[in-house]
Amino acid sequence: MKYIAKEGYLSIGTIIVFIIFFWILNSFSFILFCLLVIFLFIFRNPSRILDCSDNKAILSPIDGKITKIDNIFHKELGESIEISITNSFCNVGSFYTPFEMNIDEIKCKHGLFLDDKSGNLNFLKEKICINATTNSSKIFLEIYAGSLGRKLKLDCISYDLKVGDRLGFLINGKIKLILPKNIRIRAGIGDEVRSGTLLGYLN
């Protein structure tokens, strides 16, 4: 796996060009060097090992903190479980498929780039909703851009995904898993997780 996420290539490449330009002029720019270090940190892309290979396992799609596990009523799924994971500037931003799934529909909604402290304003945020099927169960994956985002998009993905396939990148934001009510949960609110961490099992 590459050590730098592809979303950072342009920014990092541009900074390197400016550093070289200033160096040619016999002037090392400490500010540009610090900026390069920051961008290398933001767009780092370490390899991940999946915690569980069970085909019914639910894995964390991203690094971050579990901020919500709740019973909800979804207009298409009915009684469901929502698991929300919020990632910050300090977390690795690449996100992946939490289980094998066949995508039925992808919906993109343009909106505002707000942080997770903005209250019940998710309906205003830039988001992508993935409607999919896994193990004969209908699921929804909702990806919300955070305050540092500028454009939310997915990788060029197929509609038949394996567990751990890369989906995209978030500098900060939130991912919601909306799952059948009869799942078994093995994580709790406040847990710090990384992509590939076991969250529970589908029945």
Protein backbone atom coordinates (compact mmCIF):
# COMPACT_ATOMS: atom_id res chain seq x y z
CA MET A 1 0.00 0.00 0.00
CA LYS A 2 1.26 3.49 -0.80
CA TYR A 3 2.48 5.54 2.14
CA ILE A 4 0.82 8.75 0.91
CA ALA A 5 -2.86 8.95 -0.11
CA LYS A 6 -3.30 9.97 -3.74
CA GLU A 7 -5.47 12.92 -2.68
CA GLY A 8 -2.32 14.58 -1.34
CA TYR A 9 -0.09 14.17 -4.41
CA LEU A 10 -0.85 17.58 -5.95
CA SER A 11 -0.51 19.59 -2.74
CA ILE A 12 2.66 17.81 -1.61
CA GLY A 13 4.20 17.97 -5.11
CA THR A 14 3.51 21.71 -5.33
CA ILE A 15 5.15 22.37 -1.96
CA ILE A 16 8.22 20.33 -2.95
CA VAL A 17 8.55 22.34 -6.18
CA PHE A 18 8.49 25.61 -4.20
CA ILE A 19 11.05 24.29 -1.71
CA ILE A 20 13.41 23.37 -4.57
CA PHE A 21 12.82 26.76 -6.21
CA PHE A 22 13.74 28.63 -3.03
CA TRP A 23 16.73 26.35 -2.50
CA ILE A 24 18.03 27.18 -5.99
CA LEU A 25 17.81 30.83 -4.97
CA ASN A 26 20.06 29.94 -2.00
CA SER A 27 17.23 30.44 0.46
CA PHE A 28 15.83 27.55 2.46
CA SER A 29 12.20 28.18 3.47
CA PHE A 30 11.54 26.82 6.94
CA ILE A 31 7.84 27.74 6.61
CA LEU A 32 7.45 25.67 3.42
CA PHE A 33 9.31 22.77 5.05
CA CYS A 34 6.92 22.84 8.03
CA LEU A 35 3.98 22.98 5.61
CA LEU A 36 5.36 19.92 3.82
CA VAL A 37 5.60 18.02 7.11
CA ILE A 38 1.99 18.94 7.96
CA PHE A 39 0.70 17.76 4.58
CA LEU A 40 2.71 14.52 4.79
CA PHE A 41 1.05 13.93 8.18
CA ILE A 42 -2.47 14.72 6.91
CA PHE A 43 -2.20 12.50 3.84
CA ARG A 44 -0.28 9.61 5.40
CA ASN A 45 -1.64 6.23 4.35
CA PRO A 46 -0.32 3.40 6.57
CA SER A 47 -1.11 -0.20 5.76
CA ARG A 48 -3.92 -1.82 7.74
CA ILE A 49 -4.52 -5.42 8.82
CA LEU A 50 -8.17 -6.49 9.23
CA ASP A 51 -9.02 -7.65 12.76
CA CYS A 52 -11.37 -10.40 11.60
CA SER A 53 -11.85 -12.41 8.40
CA ASP A 54 -15.36 -13.68 9.26
CA ASN A 55 -17.70 -12.91 6.35
CA LYS A 56 -20.28 -11.61 8.84
CA ALA A 57 -17.88 -9.27 10.61
CA ILE A 58 -18.56 -5.52 10.67
CA LEU A 59 -15.27 -3.61 10.56
CA SER A 60 -14.59 0.05 11.13
CA PRO A 61 -14.38 1.85 7.77
CA ILE A 62 -12.10 4.62 9.09
CA ASP A 63 -9.87 5.72 11.94
CA GLY A 64 -11.69 7.78 14.55
CA LYS A 65 -13.94 7.74 17.59
CA ILE A 66 -17.33 6.05 17.93
CA THR A 67 -19.67 8.92 18.79
CA LYS A 68 -23.04 7.19 18.48
CA ILE A 69 -24.58 3.72 18.71
CA ASP A 70 -28.34 4.01 18.73
CA ASN A 71 -31.62 2.43 17.72
CA ILE A 72 -33.24 4.46 14.95
CA PHE A 73 -36.14 4.16 12.54
CA HIS A 74 -34.94 4.33 8.94
CA LYS A 75 -37.46 5.09 6.22
CA GLU A 76 -36.28 2.11 4.13
CA LEU A 77 -34.89 -0.33 6.69
CA GLY A 78 -37.38 0.29 9.50
CA GLU A 79 -35.97 -0.48 12.96
CA SER A 80 -32.19 -0.21 12.60
CA ILE A 81 -28.91 0.38 14.42
CA GLU A 82 -26.83 3.45 13.65
CA ILE A 83 -23.09 3.45 14.37
CA SER A 84 -21.37 6.81 13.82
CA ILE A 85 -17.58 7.20 13.65
CA THR A 86 -16.08 10.68 13.64
CA ASN A 87 -12.53 11.19 12.40
CA SER A 88 -10.46 14.28 13.05
CA PHE A 89 -7.53 16.10 11.51
CA CYS A 90 -5.20 13.86 13.54
CA ASN A 91 -6.65 10.56 12.24
CA VAL A 92 -5.70 8.75 9.06
CA GLY A 93 -8.26 9.86 6.45
CA SER A 94 -8.48 6.92 4.03
CA PHE A 95 -11.72 4.97 4.44
CA TYR A 96 -12.64 1.46 3.33
CA THR A 97 -15.53 -0.95 2.95
CA PRO A 98 -16.55 -2.40 6.35
CA PHE A 99 -17.71 -5.72 4.82
CA GLU A 100 -18.29 -7.34 1.44
CA MET A 101 -21.17 -5.57 -0.25
CA ASN A 102 -22.97 -5.11 -3.53
CA ILE A 103 -23.82 -1.46 -4.20
CA ASP A 104 -27.38 -0.80 -5.35
CA GLU A 105 -27.22 3.00 -5.49
CA ILE A 106 -24.91 5.92 -4.72
CA LYS A 107 -26.38 9.35 -3.98
CA CYS A 108 -24.30 12.53 -3.70
CA LYS A 109 -25.66 15.62 -1.96
CA HIS A 110 -23.75 18.89 -2.18
CA GLY A 111 -23.86 21.06 0.90
CA LEU A 112 -21.87 22.84 3.58
CA PHE A 113 -18.60 21.78 5.16
CA LEU A 114 -19.35 21.82 8.89
CA ASP A 115 -17.61 20.25 11.86
CA ASP A 116 -19.22 17.57 14.01
CA LYS A 117 -20.04 20.12 16.75
CA SER A 118 -22.56 21.91 14.53
CA GLY A 119 -25.51 20.15 16.20
CA ASN A 120 -28.32 18.54 14.22
CA LEU A 121 -27.25 20.05 10.91
CA ASN A 122 -26.32 16.85 9.07
CA PHE A 123 -29.00 17.64 6.49
CA LEU A 124 -26.96 20.71 5.46
CA LYS A 125 -23.66 18.88 5.08
CA GLU A 126 -21.97 17.62 1.93
CA LYS A 127 -22.53 13.86 1.95
CA ILE A 128 -22.51 10.64 -0.03
CA CYS A 129 -25.02 7.87 0.73
CA ILE A 130 -24.28 4.31 -0.38
CA ASN A 131 -27.24 1.94 -0.54
CA ALA A 132 -25.96 -1.65 -0.61
CA THR A 133 -26.61 -5.31 0.22
CA THR A 134 -24.40 -7.56 2.34
CA ASN A 135 -25.16 -11.13 3.43
CA SER A 136 -28.71 -10.68 2.10
CA SER A 137 -29.16 -7.68 4.41
CA LYS A 138 -29.85 -4.14 3.26
CA ILE A 139 -27.44 -1.53 4.67
CA PHE A 140 -26.68 2.16 4.27
CA LEU A 141 -23.30 3.88 4.50
CA GLU A 142 -23.41 7.67 4.87
CA ILE A 143 -20.21 9.72 4.49
CA TYR A 144 -20.21 13.35 5.69
CA ALA A 145 -17.49 15.88 4.88
CA GLY A 146 -16.07 17.91 7.76
CA SER A 147 -15.08 21.52 8.12
CA LEU A 148 -11.67 21.02 6.45
CA GLY A 149 -13.11 19.34 3.37
CA ARG A 150 -13.48 21.04 0.03
CA LYS A 151 -14.88 18.28 -2.15
CA LEU A 152 -16.31 14.91 -1.20
CA LYS A 153 -15.98 12.11 -3.74
CA LEU A 154 -15.41 8.38 -3.90
CA ASP A 155 -12.66 6.49 -5.68
CA CYS A 156 -13.50 4.85 -8.98
CA ILE A 157 -15.07 1.78 -7.39
CA SER A 158 -16.87 -1.26 -8.73
CA TYR A 159 -20.36 -2.17 -7.54
CA ASP A 160 -19.13 -5.47 -6.11
CA LEU A 161 -16.77 -4.66 -3.24
CA LYS A 162 -14.63 -6.84 -1.01
CA VAL A 163 -14.02 -6.06 2.66
CA GLY A 164 -11.18 -3.55 2.99
CA ASP A 165 -11.49 -2.08 -0.51
CA ARG A 166 -10.60 1.61 -0.48
CA LEU A 167 -13.55 3.99 -0.91
CA GLY A 168 -12.04 7.46 -0.55
CA PHE A 169 -10.47 10.01 1.79
CA LEU A 170 -11.66 12.42 4.52
CA ILE A 171 -9.46 15.09 6.10
CA ASN A 172 -12.10 15.20 8.81
CA GLY A 173 -15.73 14.14 8.84
CA LYS A 174 -18.07 11.37 9.87
CA ILE A 175 -19.19 7.98 8.59
CA LYS A 176 -22.50 6.42 9.60
CA LEU A 177 -23.27 2.73 9.31
CA ILE A 178 -27.02 2.06 9.26
CA LEU A 179 -27.48 -1.65 9.84
CA PRO A 180 -30.18 -4.25 10.57
CA LYS A 181 -31.44 -4.23 14.16
CA ASN A 182 -30.38 -7.81 14.90
CA ILE A 183 -26.62 -7.24 14.66
CA ARG A 184 -24.26 -8.13 17.52
CA ILE A 185 -22.18 -5.14 18.61
CA ARG A 186 -18.66 -5.56 20.04
CA ALA A 187 -17.75 -1.88 20.49
CA GLY A 188 -18.97 1.04 22.59
CA ILE A 189 -19.47 4.79 22.44
CA GLY A 190 -16.19 6.61 23.03
CA ASP A 191 -14.01 3.79 21.69
CA GLU A 192 -11.09 4.91 19.54
CA VAL A 193 -10.96 2.67 16.47
CA ARG A 194 -8.89 2.34 13.33
CA SER A 195 -9.97 1.12 9.93
CA GLY A 196 -10.27 -2.67 10.10
CA THR A 197 -11.18 -2.76 13.83
CA LEU A 198 -13.99 -5.21 14.66
CA LEU A 199 -17.27 -3.44 15.53
CA GLY A 200 -19.60 -6.43 15.61
CA TYR A 201 -21.27 -9.13 13.54
CA LEU A 202 -24.19 -9.37 11.14
CA ASN A 203 -26.68 -12.18 11.82
